[in-house]
Protein backbone atom coordinates (compact mmCIF):
# COMPACT_ATOMS: atom_id res chain seq x y z
CA UNK A 1 65.65 131.38 215.01
CA UNK A 2 65.44 134.45 213.17
CA UNK A 3 62.96 137.58 214.03
CA UNK A 4 60.57 136.34 210.88
CA UNK A 5 60.25 133.13 212.17
CA UNK A 6 59.31 134.43 216.15
CA UNK A 7 56.49 136.84 214.86
CA UNK A 8 55.23 134.41 212.78
CA UNK A 9 55.19 131.70 216.01
CA UNK A 10 54.07 133.98 218.61
CA UNK A 11 50.26 133.59 217.99
CA UNK A 12 50.35 130.10 217.11
CA UNK A 13 47.38 128.39 218.97
CA UNK A 14 47.17 125.21 216.67
CA UNK A 15 49.53 122.81 215.14
CA UNK A 16 48.52 120.54 211.72
CA UNK A 17 50.35 118.17 210.48
CA UNK A 18 50.44 115.96 207.56
CA UNK A 19 51.31 112.18 208.25
CA UNK A 20 52.94 110.70 205.76
CA UNK A 21 56.17 111.84 205.38
CA UNK A 22 56.22 114.47 208.22
CA UNK A 23 54.92 112.12 211.31
CA UNK A 24 56.31 108.90 209.43
CA UNK A 25 59.32 108.88 207.08
CA UNK A 26 56.90 108.10 204.12
CA UNK A 27 56.94 104.42 204.44
CA UNK A 28 54.16 101.99 204.72
CA UNK A 29 54.53 98.35 205.38
CA UNK A 30 52.17 96.23 204.56
CA UNK A 31 51.52 92.55 205.01
CA UNK A 32 50.37 89.99 202.69
CA UNK A 33 46.70 90.65 203.96
CA UNK A 34 47.36 94.22 203.37
CA UNK A 35 46.99 95.15 207.02
CA UNK A 36 48.86 98.79 206.96
CA UNK A 37 51.79 99.66 209.35
CA UNK A 38 53.55 102.53 209.96
CA UNK A 39 56.61 103.62 211.92
CA UNK A 40 55.81 106.98 214.27
CA UNK A 41 58.79 109.08 216.05
CA UNK A 42 58.20 108.62 220.09
CA UNK A 43 60.09 112.27 220.31
CA UNK A 44 57.47 113.67 217.59
CA UNK A 45 54.54 112.76 219.48
CA UNK A 46 56.31 113.47 222.64
CA UNK A 47 56.88 117.47 221.01
CA UNK A 48 53.45 117.57 220.42
CA UNK A 49 51.91 116.48 223.90
CA UNK A 50 53.92 119.30 225.21
CA UNK A 51 52.49 121.59 222.73
CA UNK A 52 49.15 120.47 223.92
CA UNK A 53 50.27 121.02 227.49
CA UNK A 54 51.39 124.54 226.62
CA UNK A 55 47.49 124.83 225.48
CA UNK A 56 48.71 124.58 221.33
CA UNK A 57 46.12 122.51 220.01
CA UNK A 58 47.22 119.64 217.57
CA UNK A 59 45.31 118.17 214.31
CA UNK A 60 46.06 115.87 211.46
CA UNK A 61 44.98 116.16 207.67
CA UNK A 62 46.51 113.30 205.53
CA UNK A 63 45.07 112.43 202.40
CA UNK A 64 45.49 108.12 203.42
CA UNK A 65 42.60 106.72 205.65
CA UNK A 66 44.57 104.35 208.00
CA UNK A 67 43.19 102.88 211.31
CA UNK A 68 46.61 103.34 212.53
CA UNK A 69 46.51 106.83 212.23
CA UNK A 70 43.57 106.88 214.09
CA UNK A 71 45.22 105.02 216.78
CA UNK A 72 48.28 106.98 217.08
CA UNK A 73 45.90 109.96 217.11
CA UNK A 74 43.72 108.84 220.01
CA UNK A 75 47.35 108.29 221.96
CA UNK A 76 48.05 111.91 221.60
CA UNK A 77 44.76 113.26 222.34
CA UNK A 78 44.71 114.74 218.73
CA UNK A 79 40.99 115.32 218.76
CA UNK A 80 41.05 116.54 215.30
CA UNK A 81 41.78 113.68 212.51
CA UNK A 82 41.03 114.56 208.82
CA UNK A 83 41.51 111.58 206.53
CA UNK A 84 41.27 110.27 203.05
CA UNK A 85 40.97 113.67 202.70
CA UNK A 86 41.64 114.61 198.68
CA UNK A 87 41.63 118.28 199.17
CA UNK A 88 42.88 119.78 202.27
CA UNK A 89 41.53 123.19 201.92
CA UNK A 90 38.02 121.57 202.68
CA UNK A 91 39.33 120.11 206.22
CA UNK A 92 41.11 123.23 206.98
CA UNK A 93 38.23 124.80 206.41
CA UNK A 94 36.16 122.75 208.50
CA UNK A 95 39.05 123.36 210.94
CA UNK A 96 39.21 126.80 211.30
CA UNK A 97 35.57 126.71 211.90
CA UNK A 98 35.70 124.36 214.54
CA UNK A 99 38.39 125.96 216.59
CA UNK A 100 37.27 129.41 215.82
CA UNK A 101 41.00 130.78 214.97
CA UNK A 102 41.74 133.07 212.41
CA UNK A 103 44.96 131.76 209.51
CA UNK A 104 47.86 133.90 211.27
CA UNK A 105 47.29 131.19 214.74
CA UNK A 106 47.83 128.78 212.73
CA UNK A 107 50.91 126.80 211.78
CA UNK A 108 51.25 123.36 209.15
CA UNK A 109 53.64 120.99 208.19
CA UNK A 110 53.40 119.29 205.36
CA UNK A 111 56.26 117.57 202.97
CA UNK A 112 54.24 117.14 199.26
CA UNK A 113 52.66 119.11 196.80
CA UNK A 114 48.93 117.89 198.38
CA UNK A 115 50.21 120.27 201.35
CA UNK A 116 50.97 123.63 199.67
CA UNK A 117 47.21 124.37 199.50
CA UNK A 118 46.94 124.35 203.20
CA UNK A 119 50.68 125.76 203.73
CA UNK A 120 49.74 129.18 201.36
CA UNK A 121 46.97 129.74 203.68
CA UNK A 122 48.70 129.56 207.29
CA UNK A 123 50.63 131.97 209.45
CA UNK A 124 53.27 129.62 209.61
CA UNK A 125 54.35 126.93 207.08
CA UNK A 126 56.85 124.56 207.65
CA UNK A 127 58.32 121.53 205.92
CA UNK A 128 60.46 118.50 207.16
CA UNK A 129 64.07 118.54 205.72
CA UNK A 130 63.59 115.79 202.92
CA UNK A 131 60.47 117.42 201.70
CA UNK A 132 59.76 118.39 198.59
CA UNK A 133 61.71 120.59 197.12
CA UNK A 134 58.44 123.18 196.06
CA UNK A 135 57.17 122.68 199.55
CA UNK A 136 60.34 123.33 201.02
CA UNK A 137 60.34 127.01 199.13
CA UNK A 138 56.76 128.00 200.46
CA UNK A 139 58.00 126.92 204.24
CA UNK A 140 58.30 129.50 206.53
CA UNK A 141 60.80 127.13 207.80
CA UNK A 142 62.69 124.07 206.73
CA UNK A 143 63.23 121.15 209.92
CA UNK A 144 67.41 120.20 209.61
CA UNK A 145 65.37 116.44 210.55
CA UNK A 146 63.50 114.52 208.20
CA UNK A 147 59.76 113.67 208.31
CA UNK A 148 59.23 111.19 211.18
CA UNK A 149 62.95 111.28 212.07
CA UNK A 150 62.36 114.20 214.37
CA UNK A 151 61.23 117.25 212.02
CA UNK A 152 57.39 117.56 213.71
CA UNK A 153 59.87 117.38 217.27
CA UNK A 154 62.58 119.86 216.30
CA UNK A 155 59.14 122.55 215.20
CA UNK A 156 57.71 121.84 218.49
CA UNK A 157 60.45 122.83 220.57
CA UNK A 158 60.69 126.05 218.45
CA UNK A 159 56.97 127.23 219.00
CA UNK A 160 57.87 126.42 222.81
CA UNK A 161 60.44 128.67 222.68
CA UNK A 162 59.42 130.98 220.66
CA UNK A 163 56.39 131.83 223.24
CA UNK A 164 58.11 131.50 226.26
CA UNK A 165 57.29 127.84 227.41
CA UNK A 166 60.36 125.91 226.68
CA UNK A 167 62.54 127.18 229.70
CA UNK A 168 59.61 126.22 232.39
CA UNK A 169 58.88 122.56 230.48
CA UNK A 170 62.87 121.74 231.07
CA UNK A 171 63.18 123.54 234.63
CA UNK A 172 60.07 120.62 234.98
CA UNK A 173 62.29 117.78 233.73
CA UNK A 174 64.86 119.41 235.94
CA UNK A 175 63.43 119.81 239.13
CA UNK A 176 65.48 117.38 241.56
CA UNK A 177 62.88 117.64 244.46
CA UNK A 178 60.14 116.18 242.56
CA UNK A 179 62.31 113.45 241.54
């Protein structure tokens, strides 16, 4: 973790993520009736929950609309969910108003060119390891892991480490008296 990342991570109070290609590997499965299925990584979800427990909010802004995403967001306790958004800048502006946060307090992870308008505004822009090259070039951090396969968890852990929460989280899991 370099000093620039550390400085950008310190004030973060909200992580915004895209869905397809970030929370998932970008695959969309459909049955003969058009029912949509997506695979989410449970470790990514746990990372988002750890952020929330540390006081960092989580939001979703995605271009597609899906009942699966709404269900997963409810499971994870994500209150701010914007689906079917063609211009992500509009949802981002609404999110800033709703939370009262400034750009430097917000991180965003996206994987494709539709994410760039938000990525260039936030204090910390991140991309999965398999993101489009233009997105990687704009990111302050590019995860080693690909989308839907641990990239979100990687970012969550780095944010928690940068803000001094990680050691306490791990210690709680290792507390033998609680077991």
